[in-house]
Amino acid sequence: MNGDIDYLVDTNMIIYYLNGDPTAIDWLREHKARLSISIIVSLEVLSYPFAEPEDKIVRDFLDGFRLFVFDQPIFEKTIHLRRTHNIKLPDAIIASTAHCHNLTLVTRNVSDFNGLSIQVFNPFQSIS
């Protein structure tokens, strides 16, 4: 990339955005060109039973992110994290994706990722 930090966006940031939270909206729009999501984030968001017009809007929004799928390095790192930390499977997949692709994870739930040797950023921290 161009030397700027690239980010992996956690599910909660997408939910805040969709719920109209100004901090999430501003931060995601400002960094749009450098954002990605894990396939698990897409699955978690799209598991919500949106009405038909909303579903298309949400899918179009998610299509604007670079998408990382579950590959062998993420698979192996997820196994390692689950064996060595008390972490939920979706969070382990997200953390593994950030680790394997050298991305900074953007989340409001920083404590879910403590001790996992990944960079984590909370855009809400300065306003909390």
N, C-alpha and C. Protein backbone atom coordinates (compact mmCIF):
# COMPACT_ATOMS: atom_id res chain seq x y z
N MET A 1 0.85 -1.20 0.00
CA MET A 1 0.00 0.00 0.00
C MET A 1 0.88 1.25 0.00
N ASN A 2 0.31 2.36 0.35
CA ASN A 2 1.03 3.63 0.24
C ASN A 2 1.71 4.06 1.52
N GLY A 3 1.90 3.13 2.48
CA GLY A 3 2.54 3.49 3.73
C GLY A 3 1.55 3.86 4.81
N ASP A 4 0.32 4.10 4.46
CA ASP A 4 -0.70 4.38 5.45
C ASP A 4 -1.12 3.08 6.13
N ILE A 5 -1.70 3.21 7.30
CA ILE A 5 -2.21 2.04 8.01
C ILE A 5 -3.45 1.53 7.30
N ASP A 6 -3.51 0.22 7.15
CA ASP A 6 -4.72 -0.41 6.63
C ASP A 6 -5.45 -1.04 7.80
N TYR A 7 -6.77 -1.02 7.74
CA TYR A 7 -7.60 -1.40 8.87
C TYR A 7 -8.52 -2.57 8.55
N LEU A 8 -8.74 -3.40 9.56
CA LEU A 8 -9.75 -4.44 9.52
C LEU A 8 -10.85 -3.99 10.47
N VAL A 9 -12.06 -3.86 9.96
CA VAL A 9 -13.18 -3.32 10.73
C VAL A 9 -13.94 -4.45 11.41
N ASP A 10 -14.16 -4.32 12.71
CA ASP A 10 -14.90 -5.31 13.49
C ASP A 10 -16.41 -5.11 13.28
N THR A 11 -17.15 -6.13 13.57
CA THR A 11 -18.60 -6.12 13.38
C THR A 11 -19.27 -4.96 14.11
N ASN A 12 -18.83 -4.67 15.32
CA ASN A 12 -19.52 -3.61 16.08
C ASN A 12 -19.43 -2.26 15.40
N MET A 13 -18.33 -2.00 14.68
CA MET A 13 -18.21 -0.73 13.96
C MET A 13 -19.23 -0.64 12.83
N ILE A 14 -19.47 -1.75 12.15
CA ILE A 14 -20.47 -1.77 11.07
C ILE A 14 -21.86 -1.53 11.66
N ILE A 15 -22.15 -2.17 12.78
CA ILE A 15 -23.45 -2.01 13.43
C ILE A 15 -23.65 -0.57 13.88
N TYR A 16 -22.62 0.03 14.49
CA TYR A 16 -22.73 1.44 14.89
C TYR A 16 -23.00 2.32 13.67
N TYR A 17 -22.31 2.06 12.59
CA TYR A 17 -22.51 2.82 11.35
C TYR A 17 -23.95 2.68 10.87
N LEU A 18 -24.43 1.45 10.79
CA LEU A 18 -25.79 1.21 10.28
C LEU A 18 -26.85 1.80 11.20
N ASN A 19 -26.52 1.94 12.49
CA ASN A 19 -27.45 2.55 13.44
C ASN A 19 -27.33 4.07 13.48
N GLY A 20 -26.48 4.62 12.63
CA GLY A 20 -26.38 6.08 12.51
C GLY A 20 -25.47 6.75 13.52
N ASP A 21 -24.57 6.03 14.15
CA ASP A 21 -23.66 6.64 15.12
C ASP A 21 -22.69 7.57 14.40
N PRO A 22 -22.65 8.85 14.79
CA PRO A 22 -21.82 9.82 14.07
C PRO A 22 -20.32 9.51 14.12
N THR A 23 -19.83 8.98 15.23
CA THR A 23 -18.40 8.66 15.32
C THR A 23 -18.04 7.56 14.33
N ALA A 24 -18.84 6.51 14.28
CA ALA A 24 -18.59 5.41 13.34
C ALA A 24 -18.71 5.89 11.90
N ILE A 25 -19.74 6.65 11.63
CA ILE A 25 -19.96 7.15 10.27
C ILE A 25 -18.77 8.01 9.83
N ASP A 26 -18.38 8.97 10.63
CA ASP A 26 -17.28 9.87 10.28
C ASP A 26 -15.97 9.10 10.10
N TRP A 27 -15.66 8.20 11.05
CA TRP A 27 -14.39 7.49 10.99
C TRP A 27 -14.34 6.57 9.76
N LEU A 28 -15.40 5.81 9.52
CA LEU A 28 -15.40 4.90 8.37
C LEU A 28 -15.34 5.66 7.05
N ARG A 29 -16.05 6.76 6.96
CA ARG A 29 -15.99 7.55 5.73
C ARG A 29 -14.61 8.15 5.50
N GLU A 30 -13.98 8.62 6.57
CA GLU A 30 -12.66 9.25 6.46
C GLU A 30 -11.59 8.26 6.00
N HIS A 31 -11.73 7.00 6.37
CA HIS A 31 -10.71 5.99 6.08
C HIS A 31 -11.15 4.97 5.03
N LYS A 32 -12.20 5.28 4.31
CA LYS A 32 -12.85 4.35 3.39
C LYS A 32 -11.89 3.59 2.47
N ALA A 33 -10.92 4.25 1.94
CA ALA A 33 -10.02 3.63 0.96
C ALA A 33 -9.10 2.59 1.58
N ARG A 34 -9.00 2.57 2.91
CA ARG A 34 -8.05 1.67 3.58
C ARG A 34 -8.73 0.64 4.47
N LEU A 35 -10.02 0.38 4.21
CA LEU A 35 -10.79 -0.50 5.09
C LEU A 35 -11.04 -1.87 4.49
N SER A 36 -11.04 -2.86 5.35
CA SER A 36 -11.37 -4.22 4.96
C SER A 36 -12.19 -4.86 6.07
N ILE A 37 -12.83 -5.98 5.71
CA ILE A 37 -13.56 -6.77 6.69
C ILE A 37 -13.22 -8.24 6.48
N SER A 38 -13.41 -9.00 7.53
CA SER A 38 -13.29 -10.45 7.45
C SER A 38 -14.63 -11.02 6.99
N ILE A 39 -14.58 -12.17 6.37
CA ILE A 39 -15.81 -12.85 5.96
C ILE A 39 -16.74 -13.06 7.15
N ILE A 40 -16.17 -13.25 8.34
CA ILE A 40 -17.00 -13.47 9.54
C ILE A 40 -17.79 -12.20 9.89
N VAL A 41 -17.22 -11.04 9.65
CA VAL A 41 -17.94 -9.78 9.90
C VAL A 41 -19.13 -9.68 8.95
N SER A 42 -18.91 -10.00 7.70
CA SER A 42 -20.00 -9.99 6.73
C SER A 42 -21.10 -10.97 7.15
N LEU A 43 -20.71 -12.16 7.56
CA LEU A 43 -21.69 -13.16 8.01
C LEU A 43 -22.46 -12.69 9.24
N GLU A 44 -21.76 -12.09 10.20
CA GLU A 44 -22.42 -11.62 11.41
C GLU A 44 -23.43 -10.51 11.09
N VAL A 45 -23.03 -9.56 10.27
CA VAL A 45 -23.92 -8.45 9.93
C VAL A 45 -25.12 -8.94 9.12
N LEU A 46 -24.87 -9.77 8.11
CA LEU A 46 -25.95 -10.22 7.24
C LEU A 46 -26.85 -11.27 7.88
N SER A 47 -26.49 -11.76 9.05
CA SER A 47 -27.35 -12.69 9.78
C SER A 47 -28.56 -11.99 10.39
N TYR A 48 -28.49 -10.67 10.50
CA TYR A 48 -29.63 -9.91 10.99
C TYR A 48 -30.72 -9.95 9.92
N PRO A 49 -31.97 -10.18 10.31
CA PRO A 49 -33.05 -10.28 9.31
C PRO A 49 -33.53 -8.92 8.80
N PHE A 50 -32.75 -8.30 7.94
CA PHE A 50 -33.12 -7.02 7.35
C PHE A 50 -34.31 -7.20 6.42
N ALA A 51 -35.15 -6.18 6.33
CA ALA A 51 -36.21 -6.16 5.32
C ALA A 51 -35.53 -6.06 3.95
N GLU A 52 -36.22 -6.47 2.90
CA GLU A 52 -35.63 -6.54 1.56
C GLU A 52 -34.92 -5.25 1.12
N PRO A 53 -35.52 -4.08 1.21
CA PRO A 53 -34.78 -2.90 0.74
C PRO A 53 -33.52 -2.64 1.59
N GLU A 54 -33.61 -2.86 2.91
CA GLU A 54 -32.45 -2.65 3.78
C GLU A 54 -31.35 -3.66 3.48
N ASP A 55 -31.74 -4.91 3.22
CA ASP A 55 -30.76 -5.95 2.95
C ASP A 55 -29.87 -5.56 1.77
N LYS A 56 -30.46 -5.05 0.71
CA LYS A 56 -29.68 -4.63 -0.45
C LYS A 56 -28.75 -3.47 -0.09
N ILE A 57 -29.23 -2.52 0.69
CA ILE A 57 -28.42 -1.38 1.10
C ILE A 57 -27.22 -1.86 1.93
N VAL A 58 -27.47 -2.77 2.86
CA VAL A 58 -26.40 -3.29 3.71
C VAL A 58 -25.39 -4.08 2.88
N ARG A 59 -25.88 -4.93 1.98
CA ARG A 59 -24.97 -5.69 1.12
C ARG A 59 -24.12 -4.76 0.25
N ASP A 60 -24.74 -3.73 -0.31
CA ASP A 60 -23.99 -2.76 -1.11
C ASP A 60 -22.92 -2.06 -0.27
N PHE A 61 -23.28 -1.71 0.96
CA PHE A 61 -22.33 -1.07 1.86
C PHE A 61 -21.15 -2.01 2.14
N LEU A 62 -21.43 -3.26 2.46
CA LEU A 62 -20.37 -4.22 2.75
C LEU A 62 -19.50 -4.49 1.53
N ASP A 63 -20.08 -4.41 0.34
CA ASP A 63 -19.30 -4.59 -0.90
C ASP A 63 -18.24 -3.51 -1.10
N GLY A 64 -18.37 -2.40 -0.37
CA GLY A 64 -17.39 -1.33 -0.46
C GLY A 64 -16.10 -1.60 0.30
N PHE A 65 -16.07 -2.68 1.07
CA PHE A 65 -14.87 -3.06 1.82
C PHE A 65 -14.09 -4.12 1.07
N ARG A 66 -12.79 -4.11 1.23
CA ARG A 66 -11.97 -5.24 0.78
C ARG A 66 -12.34 -6.41 1.70
N LEU A 67 -12.56 -7.57 1.15
CA LEU A 67 -13.03 -8.74 1.91
C LEU A 67 -11.92 -9.78 2.01
N PHE A 68 -11.62 -10.20 3.23
CA PHE A 68 -10.67 -11.28 3.45
C PHE A 68 -11.44 -12.55 3.80
N VAL A 69 -11.17 -13.60 3.03
CA VAL A 69 -11.83 -14.88 3.26
C VAL A 69 -10.98 -15.74 4.19
N PHE A 70 -11.54 -16.85 4.59
CA PHE A 70 -10.90 -17.77 5.51
C PHE A 70 -9.96 -18.68 4.74
N ASP A 71 -8.65 -18.39 4.82
CA ASP A 71 -7.66 -19.19 4.10
C ASP A 71 -6.83 -20.00 5.11
N GLN A 72 -5.86 -20.76 4.61
CA GLN A 72 -5.08 -21.66 5.48
C GLN A 72 -4.31 -20.92 6.58
N PRO A 73 -3.60 -19.82 6.28
CA PRO A 73 -2.91 -19.11 7.38
C PRO A 73 -3.88 -18.60 8.46
N ILE A 74 -5.03 -18.08 8.06
CA ILE A 74 -6.02 -17.62 9.05
C ILE A 74 -6.55 -18.81 9.83
N PHE A 75 -6.78 -19.92 9.16
CA PHE A 75 -7.23 -21.16 9.79
C PHE A 75 -6.25 -21.57 10.89
N GLU A 76 -4.96 -21.62 10.55
CA GLU A 76 -3.95 -22.07 11.52
C GLU A 76 -3.81 -21.08 12.68
N LYS A 77 -3.82 -19.79 12.39
CA LYS A 77 -3.71 -18.79 13.45
C LYS A 77 -4.93 -18.84 14.36
N THR A 78 -6.11 -19.08 13.80
CA THR A 78 -7.33 -19.19 14.60
C THR A 78 -7.23 -20.37 15.56
N ILE A 79 -6.74 -21.49 15.08
CA ILE A 79 -6.55 -22.66 15.95
C ILE A 79 -5.62 -22.30 17.09
N HIS A 80 -4.50 -21.65 16.76
CA HIS A 80 -3.54 -21.25 17.78
C HIS A 80 -4.18 -20.33 18.83
N LEU A 81 -4.91 -19.33 18.38
CA LEU A 81 -5.54 -18.40 19.32
C LEU A 81 -6.57 -19.08 20.21
N ARG A 82 -7.35 -19.98 19.63
CA ARG A 82 -8.36 -20.70 20.42
C ARG A 82 -7.71 -21.63 21.44
N ARG A 83 -6.56 -22.21 21.10
CA ARG A 83 -5.87 -23.10 22.03
C ARG A 83 -5.17 -22.35 23.15
N THR A 84 -4.76 -21.12 22.88
CA THR A 84 -3.93 -20.40 23.85
C THR A 84 -4.64 -19.24 24.56
N HIS A 85 -5.83 -18.88 24.12
CA HIS A 85 -6.56 -17.76 24.73
C HIS A 85 -8.03 -18.14 24.89
N ASN A 86 -8.66 -17.54 25.84
CA ASN A 86 -10.10 -17.72 26.04
C ASN A 86 -10.81 -16.70 25.16
N ILE A 87 -11.02 -17.05 23.90
CA ILE A 87 -11.57 -16.12 22.93
C ILE A 87 -12.65 -16.83 22.11
N LYS A 88 -13.71 -16.11 21.82
CA LYS A 88 -14.79 -16.66 21.01
C LYS A 88 -14.31 -16.90 19.59
N LEU A 89 -14.89 -17.89 18.93
CA LEU A 89 -14.47 -18.25 17.58
C LEU A 89 -14.54 -17.08 16.60
N PRO A 90 -15.65 -16.33 16.53
CA PRO A 90 -15.67 -15.20 15.58
C PRO A 90 -14.55 -14.19 15.86
N ASP A 91 -14.31 -13.88 17.13
CA ASP A 91 -13.24 -12.94 17.47
C ASP A 91 -11.87 -13.51 17.12
N ALA A 92 -11.70 -14.81 17.29
CA ALA A 92 -10.42 -15.44 16.92
C ALA A 92 -10.18 -15.35 15.41
N ILE A 93 -11.23 -15.54 14.63
CA ILE A 93 -11.10 -15.43 13.17
C ILE A 93 -10.76 -14.00 12.77
N ILE A 94 -11.43 -13.04 13.38
CA ILE A 94 -11.17 -11.63 13.08
C ILE A 94 -9.75 -11.26 13.48
N ALA A 95 -9.33 -11.65 14.68
CA ALA A 95 -7.96 -11.35 15.14
C ALA A 95 -6.93 -12.03 14.25
N SER A 96 -7.20 -13.27 13.84
CA SER A 96 -6.27 -13.99 12.97
C SER A 96 -6.15 -13.31 11.61
N THR A 97 -7.25 -12.81 11.11
CA THR A 97 -7.23 -12.09 9.83
C THR A 97 -6.37 -10.83 9.95
N ALA A 98 -6.56 -10.08 11.04
CA ALA A 98 -5.75 -8.88 11.26
C ALA A 98 -4.27 -9.26 11.35
N HIS A 99 -3.98 -10.31 12.09
CA HIS A 99 -2.59 -10.74 12.26
C HIS A 99 -1.97 -11.17 10.93
N CYS A 100 -2.64 -12.03 10.21
CA CYS A 100 -2.09 -12.60 8.98
C CYS A 100 -1.90 -11.56 7.87
N HIS A 101 -2.68 -10.49 7.91
CA HIS A 101 -2.59 -9.48 6.85
C HIS A 101 -2.01 -8.16 7.36
N ASN A 102 -1.46 -8.20 8.59
CA ASN A 102 -0.81 -7.03 9.18
C ASN A 102 -1.71 -5.80 9.15
N LEU A 103 -2.93 -5.98 9.64
CA LEU A 103 -3.92 -4.91 9.68
C LEU A 103 -4.17 -4.48 11.12
N THR A 104 -4.54 -3.23 11.28
CA THR A 104 -4.96 -2.74 12.59
C THR A 104 -6.46 -2.98 12.72
N LEU A 105 -6.85 -3.66 13.77
CA LEU A 105 -8.26 -3.96 14.01
C LEU A 105 -8.95 -2.74 14.61
N VAL A 106 -10.05 -2.34 14.01
CA VAL A 106 -10.84 -1.20 14.49
C VAL A 106 -12.08 -1.74 15.18
N THR A 107 -12.18 -1.48 16.48
CA THR A 107 -13.29 -1.99 17.28
C THR A 107 -13.50 -1.12 18.50
N ARG A 108 -14.70 -1.14 19.00
CA ARG A 108 -14.97 -0.48 20.27
C ARG A 108 -14.72 -1.46 21.41
N ASN A 109 -14.69 -2.74 21.10
CA ASN A 109 -14.51 -3.79 22.10
C ASN A 109 -13.04 -4.21 22.19
N VAL A 110 -12.19 -3.28 22.53
CA VAL A 110 -10.75 -3.52 22.58
C VAL A 110 -10.41 -4.67 23.52
N SER A 111 -11.11 -4.77 24.65
CA SER A 111 -10.78 -5.80 25.64
C SER A 111 -10.99 -7.22 25.10
N ASP A 112 -11.81 -7.39 24.07
CA ASP A 112 -12.01 -8.72 23.47
C ASP A 112 -10.74 -9.23 22.80
N PHE A 113 -9.80 -8.33 22.53
CA PHE A 113 -8.61 -8.68 21.75
C PHE A 113 -7.31 -8.45 22.50
N ASN A 114 -7.40 -8.25 23.82
CA ASN A 114 -6.20 -8.03 24.64
C ASN A 114 -5.28 -9.24 24.59
N GLY A 115 -3.99 -8.98 24.49
CA GLY A 115 -2.99 -10.03 24.56
C GLY A 115 -2.85 -10.88 23.32
N LEU A 116 -3.39 -10.45 22.19
CA LEU A 116 -3.36 -11.27 20.98
C LEU A 116 -2.30 -10.84 19.98
N SER A 117 -1.44 -9.93 20.35
CA SER A 117 -0.32 -9.48 19.50
C SER A 117 -0.79 -8.90 18.17
N ILE A 118 -1.89 -8.15 18.22
CA ILE A 118 -2.33 -7.41 17.04
C ILE A 118 -2.52 -5.95 17.46
N GLN A 119 -2.44 -5.06 16.47
CA GLN A 119 -2.71 -3.66 16.72
C GLN A 119 -4.22 -3.46 16.75
N VAL A 120 -4.70 -2.75 17.77
CA VAL A 120 -6.14 -2.50 17.91
C VAL A 120 -6.34 -1.01 18.10
N PHE A 121 -7.37 -0.48 17.44
CA PHE A 121 -7.68 0.94 17.54
C PHE A 121 -9.16 1.12 17.82
N ASN A 122 -9.48 1.99 18.79
CA ASN A 122 -10.85 2.32 19.15
C ASN A 122 -11.13 3.77 18.79
N PRO A 123 -11.88 4.04 17.71
CA PRO A 123 -12.15 5.43 17.32
C PRO A 123 -13.01 6.18 18.32
N PHE A 124 -13.65 5.48 19.23
CA PHE A 124 -14.51 6.11 20.24
C PHE A 124 -13.70 6.52 21.47
N GLN A 125 -12.48 6.05 21.60
CA GLN A 125 -11.70 6.26 22.80
C GLN A 125 -11.51 7.73 23.15
N SER A 126 -11.27 8.57 22.17
CA SER A 126 -11.03 9.98 22.45
C SER A 126 -12.29 10.72 22.88
N ILE A 127 -13.48 10.11 22.62
CA ILE A 127 -14.72 10.80 23.01
C ILE A 127 -15.38 10.16 24.20
N SER A 128 -14.88 9.00 24.66
CA SER A 128 -15.49 8.29 25.80
C SER A 128 -15.19 8.96 27.10
